Amino acid sequence: MVKYLIRHYVTADFFAEKVVNENEIDTIKNDLKANSIPNGSFSFVMLKGTEKTVRTTYEIYDEKLNDRDKECTSNE
């Protein structure tokens, strides 16, 4: 049986949140210090209803060798 890899390119709105100790930010100067940019230590939650599929592709999937040079089909 042939298997296919389906890939959806999606855009969406997220919020990132993290609980920190008071010594990790400066509330007087409104400085988040190392927390100014969300990274892997933040939890990301997608806002429901904001997702939009930009493009979808599919290609034959070979579990032994996933060759990225295979021709794929897109519905751009």
N, C-alpha and C. Protein backbone atom coordinates (compact mmCIF):
# COMPACT_ATOMS: atom_id res chain seq x y z
N MET A 1 0.84 -1.17 0.00
CA MET A 1 0.00 0.00 0.00
C MET A 1 0.89 1.24 0.00
N VAL A 2 0.62 2.18 -0.87
CA VAL A 2 1.40 3.41 -0.97
C VAL A 2 0.97 4.36 0.13
N LYS A 3 1.96 4.99 0.77
CA LYS A 3 1.69 6.00 1.79
C LYS A 3 2.06 7.36 1.24
N TYR A 4 1.36 8.39 1.69
CA TYR A 4 1.63 9.77 1.28
C TYR A 4 1.91 10.63 2.49
N LEU A 5 2.85 11.55 2.33
CA LEU A 5 3.14 12.56 3.34
C LEU A 5 2.38 13.81 2.93
N ILE A 6 1.46 14.26 3.78
CA ILE A 6 0.70 15.48 3.50
C ILE A 6 1.26 16.57 4.40
N ARG A 7 1.54 17.72 3.81
CA ARG A 7 2.10 18.85 4.56
C ARG A 7 1.23 20.08 4.31
N HIS A 8 0.73 20.68 5.40
CA HIS A 8 -0.03 21.92 5.32
C HIS A 8 0.85 23.06 5.81
N TYR A 9 0.95 24.12 5.04
CA TYR A 9 1.62 25.34 5.46
C TYR A 9 0.54 26.24 6.03
N VAL A 10 0.66 26.57 7.31
CA VAL A 10 -0.41 27.24 8.03
C VAL A 10 0.11 28.50 8.71
N THR A 11 -0.72 29.55 8.72
CA THR A 11 -0.44 30.73 9.53
C THR A 11 -1.52 30.78 10.61
N ALA A 12 -1.16 31.34 11.77
CA ALA A 12 -2.11 31.45 12.88
C ALA A 12 -1.57 32.45 13.89
N ASP A 13 -2.44 32.92 14.74
CA ASP A 13 -2.04 33.80 15.84
C ASP A 13 -1.86 32.95 17.10
N PHE A 14 -0.80 33.26 17.85
CA PHE A 14 -0.48 32.55 19.08
C PHE A 14 -0.23 33.54 20.19
N PHE A 15 -0.35 33.09 21.41
CA PHE A 15 0.22 33.85 22.50
C PHE A 15 1.19 32.93 23.23
N ALA A 16 2.24 33.54 23.77
CA ALA A 16 3.28 32.80 24.49
C ALA A 16 3.25 33.26 25.93
N GLU A 17 3.29 32.32 26.86
CA GLU A 17 3.24 32.69 28.26
C GLU A 17 4.22 31.88 29.09
N LYS A 18 4.64 32.49 30.19
CA LYS A 18 5.63 31.86 31.07
C LYS A 18 5.51 32.52 32.44
N VAL A 19 5.55 31.75 33.49
CA VAL A 19 5.56 32.29 34.85
C VAL A 19 7.02 32.44 35.28
N VAL A 20 7.37 33.63 35.77
CA VAL A 20 8.75 33.91 36.19
C VAL A 20 8.77 34.43 37.62
N ASN A 21 9.91 34.32 38.25
CA ASN A 21 10.10 34.89 39.58
C ASN A 21 10.33 36.39 39.46
N GLU A 22 10.03 37.11 40.52
CA GLU A 22 10.13 38.57 40.49
C GLU A 22 11.56 39.07 40.20
N ASN A 23 12.58 38.28 40.52
CA ASN A 23 13.95 38.72 40.26
C ASN A 23 14.37 38.53 38.80
N GLU A 24 13.51 37.92 37.98
CA GLU A 24 13.83 37.69 36.58
C GLU A 24 13.37 38.83 35.68
N ILE A 25 12.60 39.78 36.22
CA ILE A 25 12.17 40.95 35.45
C ILE A 25 12.30 42.20 36.32
N ASP A 26 12.29 43.37 35.70
CA ASP A 26 12.34 44.65 36.41
C ASP A 26 11.03 45.38 36.16
N THR A 27 10.13 45.34 37.14
CA THR A 27 8.82 45.95 36.97
C THR A 27 8.88 47.48 37.06
N ILE A 28 9.92 48.01 37.66
CA ILE A 28 10.07 49.47 37.75
C ILE A 28 10.39 50.05 36.37
N LYS A 29 11.33 49.42 35.66
CA LYS A 29 11.75 49.89 34.33
C LYS A 29 10.97 49.21 33.21
N ASN A 30 10.03 48.35 33.57
CA ASN A 30 9.25 47.60 32.58
C ASN A 30 10.17 46.81 31.64
N ASP A 31 11.18 46.15 32.24
CA ASP A 31 12.19 45.40 31.49
C ASP A 31 12.00 43.90 31.76
N LEU A 32 11.69 43.16 30.72
CA LEU A 32 11.49 41.72 30.87
C LEU A 32 12.80 40.93 30.81
N LYS A 33 13.91 41.62 30.62
CA LYS A 33 15.26 41.03 30.57
C LYS A 33 15.32 39.88 29.58
N ALA A 34 15.70 38.69 30.01
CA ALA A 34 15.86 37.53 29.11
C ALA A 34 14.53 37.01 28.59
N ASN A 35 13.43 37.54 29.09
CA ASN A 35 12.10 37.09 28.67
C ASN A 35 11.46 38.02 27.66
N SER A 36 12.22 38.92 27.07
CA SER A 36 11.68 39.88 26.10
C SER A 36 11.21 39.21 24.82
N ILE A 37 11.86 38.13 24.46
CA ILE A 37 11.50 37.39 23.24
C ILE A 37 11.15 35.97 23.64
N PRO A 38 9.97 35.48 23.26
CA PRO A 38 9.61 34.11 23.65
C PRO A 38 10.53 33.08 23.01
N ASN A 39 10.86 32.07 23.80
CA ASN A 39 11.72 30.97 23.31
C ASN A 39 11.10 29.65 23.73
N GLY A 40 11.85 28.60 23.71
CA GLY A 40 11.34 27.28 24.03
C GLY A 40 10.87 27.11 25.46
N SER A 41 11.22 28.03 26.34
CA SER A 41 10.77 27.93 27.74
C SER A 41 9.36 28.47 27.93
N PHE A 42 8.79 29.09 26.91
CA PHE A 42 7.42 29.61 26.96
C PHE A 42 6.45 28.54 26.48
N SER A 43 5.22 28.62 26.95
CA SER A 43 4.14 27.77 26.44
C SER A 43 3.44 28.57 25.35
N PHE A 44 3.20 27.93 24.20
CA PHE A 44 2.55 28.60 23.08
C PHE A 44 1.14 28.04 22.91
N VAL A 45 0.17 28.92 22.79
CA VAL A 45 -1.22 28.53 22.61
C VAL A 45 -1.76 29.23 21.37
N MET A 46 -2.31 28.44 20.46
CA MET A 46 -2.88 29.02 19.24
C MET A 46 -4.27 29.55 19.55
N LEU A 47 -4.55 30.75 19.09
CA LEU A 47 -5.87 31.33 19.28
C LEU A 47 -6.84 30.69 18.31
N LYS A 48 -7.89 30.11 18.84
CA LYS A 48 -8.87 29.36 18.04
C LYS A 48 -9.49 30.25 16.97
N GLY A 49 -9.59 29.72 15.78
CA GLY A 49 -10.22 30.43 14.68
C GLY A 49 -9.28 31.33 13.89
N THR A 50 -7.99 31.41 14.28
CA THR A 50 -7.06 32.27 13.56
C THR A 50 -6.25 31.51 12.52
N GLU A 51 -6.38 30.19 12.48
CA GLU A 51 -5.57 29.38 11.56
C GLU A 51 -6.05 29.55 10.13
N LYS A 52 -5.08 29.58 9.23
CA LYS A 52 -5.39 29.69 7.80
C LYS A 52 -4.37 28.85 7.04
N THR A 53 -4.86 27.93 6.22
CA THR A 53 -3.96 27.11 5.41
C THR A 53 -3.53 27.93 4.20
N VAL A 54 -2.22 28.09 4.05
CA VAL A 54 -1.65 28.88 2.96
C VAL A 54 -1.41 28.01 1.75
N ARG A 55 -0.93 26.79 2.00
CA ARG A 55 -0.60 25.88 0.90
C ARG A 55 -0.60 24.46 1.44
N THR A 56 -0.93 23.51 0.59
CA THR A 56 -0.90 22.10 0.96
C THR A 56 -0.16 21.33 -0.12
N THR A 57 0.72 20.43 0.31
CA THR A 57 1.44 19.57 -0.63
C THR A 57 1.30 18.12 -0.18
N TYR A 58 1.50 17.21 -1.12
CA TYR A 58 1.59 15.80 -0.75
C TYR A 58 2.58 15.12 -1.68
N GLU A 59 3.19 14.07 -1.16
CA GLU A 59 4.18 13.32 -1.93
C GLU A 59 4.19 11.88 -1.43
N ILE A 60 4.65 11.00 -2.27
CA ILE A 60 4.78 9.60 -1.86
C ILE A 60 5.78 9.54 -0.72
N TYR A 61 5.43 8.80 0.32
CA TYR A 61 6.26 8.71 1.51
C TYR A 61 6.89 7.33 1.58
N ASP A 62 8.21 7.31 1.64
CA ASP A 62 8.96 6.07 1.76
C ASP A 62 9.61 6.06 3.13
N GLU A 63 9.19 5.17 4.01
CA GLU A 63 9.70 5.15 5.38
C GLU A 63 11.19 4.83 5.44
N LYS A 64 11.70 4.08 4.48
CA LYS A 64 13.12 3.72 4.48
C LYS A 64 14.00 4.88 4.03
N LEU A 65 13.54 5.61 3.04
CA LEU A 65 14.33 6.72 2.50
C LEU A 65 13.37 7.84 2.11
N ASN A 66 13.36 8.88 2.89
CA ASN A 66 12.49 10.01 2.57
C ASN A 66 13.29 10.99 1.73
N ASP A 67 13.25 10.84 0.43
CA ASP A 67 14.03 11.64 -0.52
C ASP A 67 13.31 12.94 -0.81
N ARG A 68 13.86 14.06 -0.39
CA ARG A 68 13.23 15.36 -0.56
C ARG A 68 13.24 15.81 -2.03
N ASP A 69 13.94 15.10 -2.90
CA ASP A 69 13.97 15.47 -4.32
C ASP A 69 12.78 14.89 -5.09
N LYS A 70 11.94 14.12 -4.42
CA LYS A 70 10.77 13.56 -5.10
C LYS A 70 9.85 14.68 -5.53
N GLU A 71 9.19 14.45 -6.64
CA GLU A 71 8.24 15.44 -7.12
C GLU A 71 7.01 15.44 -6.22
N CYS A 72 6.58 16.63 -5.80
CA CYS A 72 5.39 16.70 -4.96
C CYS A 72 4.32 17.54 -5.67
N THR A 73 3.10 17.38 -5.23
CA THR A 73 1.98 18.07 -5.82
C THR A 73 1.50 19.12 -4.85
N SER A 74 1.21 20.33 -5.34
CA SER A 74 0.80 21.44 -4.51
C SER A 74 -0.48 22.05 -5.06
N ASN A 75 -1.29 22.57 -4.14
CA ASN A 75 -2.49 23.28 -4.56
C ASN A 75 -2.41 24.75 -4.17
N GLU A 76 -1.29 25.39 -4.45
CA GLU A 76 -1.04 26.78 -4.06
C GLU A 76 -2.18 27.69 -4.42
